[in-house]
């Protein structure tokens, strides 16, 4: 019985140490416009937040063929993305694991994560 207790305590300790390391990751990504049209607005944030917040391009636009890099603050996890083109059309991409995606790409069909 004592041996089971030690094994259980060891597994619990290993899990506690690994959990914070998993929560932290490289959240940097590049947003590329490969859509053939100008992107006027770009929004992103944690999926847990229902508000899109501010336009991340600000006063700028992103012409076709251009890219911009971002480093979201905070932890990794699921993020949502929204693009608004000059035509007013929009596309959304939900629940992207920001720890695994290094590129968000606006395409003719919408948004992709890679």
C-alpha atoms as a PDB file:
ATOM      1  CA  UNK A   1       0.000   0.000   0.000  1.00  0.00           C
ATOM      2  CA  UNK A   2       2.840   2.370   0.858  1.00  0.00           C
ATOM      3  CA  UNK A   3       4.387   1.662  -2.562  1.00  0.00           C
ATOM      4  CA  UNK A   4       1.107   2.693  -4.293  1.00  0.00           C
ATOM      5  CA  UNK A   5       1.041   5.899  -2.260  1.00  0.00           C
ATOM      6  CA  UNK A   6       4.586   6.793  -3.331  1.00  0.00           C
ATOM      7  CA  UNK A   7       3.812   6.004  -6.986  1.00  0.00           C
ATOM      8  CA  UNK A   8       0.628   8.086  -6.869  1.00  0.00           C
ATOM      9  CA  UNK A   9       2.408  11.000  -5.200  1.00  0.00           C
ATOM     10  CA  UNK A  10       5.196  10.854  -7.798  1.00  0.00           C
ATOM     11  CA  UNK A  11       2.711  10.925 -10.690  1.00  0.00           C
ATOM     12  CA  UNK A  12       0.814  13.802  -9.085  1.00  0.00           C
ATOM     13  CA  UNK A  13       4.020  15.803  -8.625  1.00  0.00           C
ATOM     14  CA  UNK A  14       5.081  15.174 -12.241  1.00  0.00           C
ATOM     15  CA  UNK A  15       1.677  16.353 -13.487  1.00  0.00           C
ATOM     16  CA  UNK A  16       1.845  19.510 -11.369  1.00  0.00           C
ATOM     17  CA  UNK A  17       5.272  20.377 -12.790  1.00  0.00           C
ATOM     18  CA  UNK A  18       4.249  19.680 -16.408  1.00  0.00           C
ATOM     19  CA  UNK A  19       0.965  21.627 -16.295  1.00  0.00           C
ATOM     20  CA  UNK A  20       2.470  25.152 -16.101  1.00  0.00           C
ATOM     21  CA  UNK A  21       4.973  24.327 -18.862  1.00  0.00           C
ATOM     22  CA  UNK A  22       2.104  23.304 -21.141  1.00  0.00           C
ATOM     23  CA  UNK A  23       0.167  26.497 -20.426  1.00  0.00           C
ATOM     24  CA  UNK A  24       3.095  28.621 -21.627  1.00  0.00           C
ATOM     25  CA  UNK A  25       4.054  28.457 -25.282  1.00  0.00           C
ATOM     26  CA  UNK A  26       5.277  30.529 -28.202  1.00  0.00           C
ATOM     27  CA  UNK A  27       2.206  32.542 -29.246  1.00  0.00           C
ATOM     28  CA  UNK A  28       3.912  34.508 -32.036  1.00  0.00           C
ATOM     29  CA  UNK A  29       2.301  34.265 -35.452  1.00  0.00           C
ATOM     30  CA  UNK A  30       2.359  35.926 -38.858  1.00  0.00           C
ATOM     31  CA  UNK A  31      -0.825  37.104 -40.553  1.00  0.00           C
ATOM     32  CA  UNK A  32      -0.476  36.771 -44.345  1.00  0.00           C
ATOM     33  CA  UNK A  33      -2.825  38.193 -46.926  1.00  0.00           C
ATOM     34  CA  UNK A  34      -2.954  35.764 -49.849  1.00  0.00           C
ATOM     35  CA  UNK A  35      -6.571  36.573 -50.690  1.00  0.00           C
ATOM     36  CA  UNK A  36      -6.102  38.691 -53.798  1.00  0.00           C
ATOM     37  CA  UNK A  37      -7.846  41.628 -52.079  1.00  0.00           C
ATOM     38  CA  UNK A  38      -7.024  44.236 -49.456  1.00  0.00           C
ATOM     39  CA  UNK A  39      -7.731  43.392 -45.794  1.00  0.00           C
ATOM     40  CA  UNK A  40      -9.085  46.449 -43.963  1.00  0.00           C
ATOM     41  CA  UNK A  41      -9.563  44.943 -40.490  1.00  0.00           C
ATOM     42  CA  UNK A  42      -8.095  42.041 -38.504  1.00  0.00           C
ATOM     43  CA  UNK A  43      -9.281  40.866 -35.113  1.00  0.00           C
ATOM     44  CA  UNK A  44      -8.099  38.097 -32.802  1.00  0.00           C
ATOM     45  CA  UNK A  45      -8.302  37.073 -29.190  1.00  0.00           C
ATOM     46  CA  UNK A  46      -8.831  34.160 -26.824  1.00  0.00           C
ATOM     47  CA  UNK A  47     -11.875  32.055 -27.698  1.00  0.00           C
ATOM     48  CA  UNK A  48     -13.068  32.504 -24.115  1.00  0.00           C
ATOM     49  CA  UNK A  49     -13.677  36.211 -24.862  1.00  0.00           C
ATOM     50  CA  UNK A  50     -16.877  36.830 -26.852  1.00  0.00           C
ATOM     51  CA  UNK A  51     -15.858  40.425 -27.730  1.00  0.00           C
ATOM     52  CA  UNK A  52     -13.666  40.915 -30.827  1.00  0.00           C
ATOM     53  CA  UNK A  53     -12.026  43.979 -29.301  1.00  0.00           C
ATOM     54  CA  UNK A  54     -10.042  46.439 -31.388  1.00  0.00           C
ATOM     55  CA  UNK A  55      -8.947  46.157 -35.012  1.00  0.00           C
ATOM     56  CA  UNK A  56      -5.357  44.874 -34.797  1.00  0.00           C
ATOM     57  CA  UNK A  57      -4.386  46.629 -38.047  1.00  0.00           C
ATOM     58  CA  UNK A  58      -5.356  49.949 -36.486  1.00  0.00           C
ATOM     59  CA  UNK A  59      -5.116  52.765 -39.010  1.00  0.00           C
ATOM     60  CA  UNK A  60      -3.342  50.472 -41.482  1.00  0.00           C
ATOM     61  CA  UNK A  61      -4.607  48.044 -44.119  1.00  0.00           C
ATOM     62  CA  UNK A  62      -2.954  44.879 -45.394  1.00  0.00           C
ATOM     63  CA  UNK A  63      -2.654  44.696 -49.191  1.00  0.00           C
ATOM     64  CA  UNK A  64      -2.565  41.365 -51.004  1.00  0.00           C
ATOM     65  CA  UNK A  65       0.848  39.703 -50.749  1.00  0.00           C
ATOM     66  CA  UNK A  66       1.850  41.463 -47.517  1.00  0.00           C
ATOM     67  CA  UNK A  67       2.175  40.117 -43.983  1.00  0.00           C
ATOM     68  CA  UNK A  68       2.441  41.381 -40.422  1.00  0.00           C
ATOM     69  CA  UNK A  69       3.663  39.649 -37.249  1.00  0.00           C
ATOM     70  CA  UNK A  70       1.969  39.578 -33.843  1.00  0.00           C
ATOM     71  CA  UNK A  71       2.880  38.379 -30.370  1.00  0.00           C
ATOM     72  CA  UNK A  72      -0.289  38.063 -28.297  1.00  0.00           C
ATOM     73  CA  UNK A  73       0.285  38.526 -24.584  1.00  0.00           C
ATOM     74  CA  UNK A  74      -0.787  35.905 -22.116  1.00  0.00           C
ATOM     75  CA  UNK A  75      -1.024  32.166 -22.330  1.00  0.00           C
ATOM     76  CA  UNK A  76      -1.622  29.895 -25.244  1.00  0.00           C
ATOM     77  CA  UNK A  77      -4.819  28.050 -25.937  1.00  0.00           C
ATOM     78  CA  UNK A  78      -7.710  28.534 -28.337  1.00  0.00           C
ATOM     79  CA  UNK A  79      -7.933  31.827 -30.258  1.00  0.00           C
ATOM     80  CA  UNK A  80     -10.524  33.200 -32.678  1.00  0.00           C
ATOM     81  CA  UNK A  81      -9.677  35.256 -35.787  1.00  0.00           C
ATOM     82  CA  UNK A  82     -11.747  37.573 -37.969  1.00  0.00           C
ATOM     83  CA  UNK A  83     -10.883  39.323 -41.247  1.00  0.00           C
ATOM     84  CA  UNK A  84     -12.801  42.165 -42.942  1.00  0.00           C
ATOM     85  CA  UNK A  85     -11.919  42.837 -46.576  1.00  0.00           C
ATOM     86  CA  UNK A  86     -12.223  46.196 -48.360  1.00  0.00           C
ATOM     87  CA  UNK A  87     -15.447  44.897 -49.968  1.00  0.00           C
ATOM     88  CA  UNK A  88     -17.011  44.497 -46.508  1.00  0.00           C
ATOM     89  CA  UNK A  89     -16.983  40.686 -46.702  1.00  0.00           C
ATOM     90  CA  UNK A  90     -15.863  38.907 -43.543  1.00  0.00           C
ATOM     91  CA  UNK A  91     -14.474  35.522 -42.551  1.00  0.00           C
ATOM     92  CA  UNK A  92     -13.944  33.965 -39.134  1.00  0.00           C
ATOM     93  CA  UNK A  93     -11.757  31.111 -37.932  1.00  0.00           C
ATOM     94  CA  UNK A  94     -12.560  29.829 -34.455  1.00  0.00           C
ATOM     95  CA  UNK A  95     -10.736  27.846 -31.773  1.00  0.00           C
ATOM     96  CA  UNK A  96      -7.237  27.784 -33.270  1.00  0.00           C
ATOM     97  CA  UNK A  97      -4.580  26.450 -30.898  1.00  0.00           C
ATOM     98  CA  UNK A  98      -2.233  29.447 -30.864  1.00  0.00           C
ATOM     99  CA  UNK A  99       0.588  27.213 -29.536  1.00  0.00           C
ATOM    100  CA  UNK A 100       0.509  25.128 -32.727  1.00  0.00           C
ATOM    101  CA  UNK A 101      -0.224  27.751 -35.408  1.00  0.00           C
ATOM    102  CA  UNK A 102       2.553  30.034 -36.631  1.00  0.00           C
ATOM    103  CA  UNK A 103       0.634  31.515 -39.587  1.00  0.00           C
ATOM    104  CA  UNK A 104      -2.878  32.828 -40.051  1.00  0.00           C
ATOM    105  CA  UNK A 105      -3.559  33.228 -43.766  1.00  0.00           C
ATOM    106  CA  UNK A 106      -6.337  35.151 -45.498  1.00  0.00           C
ATOM    107  CA  UNK A 107      -7.202  33.271 -48.705  1.00  0.00           C
ATOM    108  CA  UNK A 108      -9.801  33.640 -51.436  1.00  0.00           C
ATOM    109  CA  UNK A 109     -11.943  31.113 -49.525  1.00  0.00           C
ATOM    110  CA  UNK A 110     -11.576  32.568 -45.997  1.00  0.00           C
ATOM    111  CA  UNK A 111      -8.968  32.109 -43.257  1.00  0.00           C
ATOM    112  CA  UNK A 112      -6.559  29.211 -42.644  1.00  0.00           C
ATOM    113  CA  UNK A 113      -4.183  28.392 -39.803  1.00  0.00           C
ATOM    114  CA  UNK A 114      -0.856  26.625 -40.319  1.00  0.00           C
END
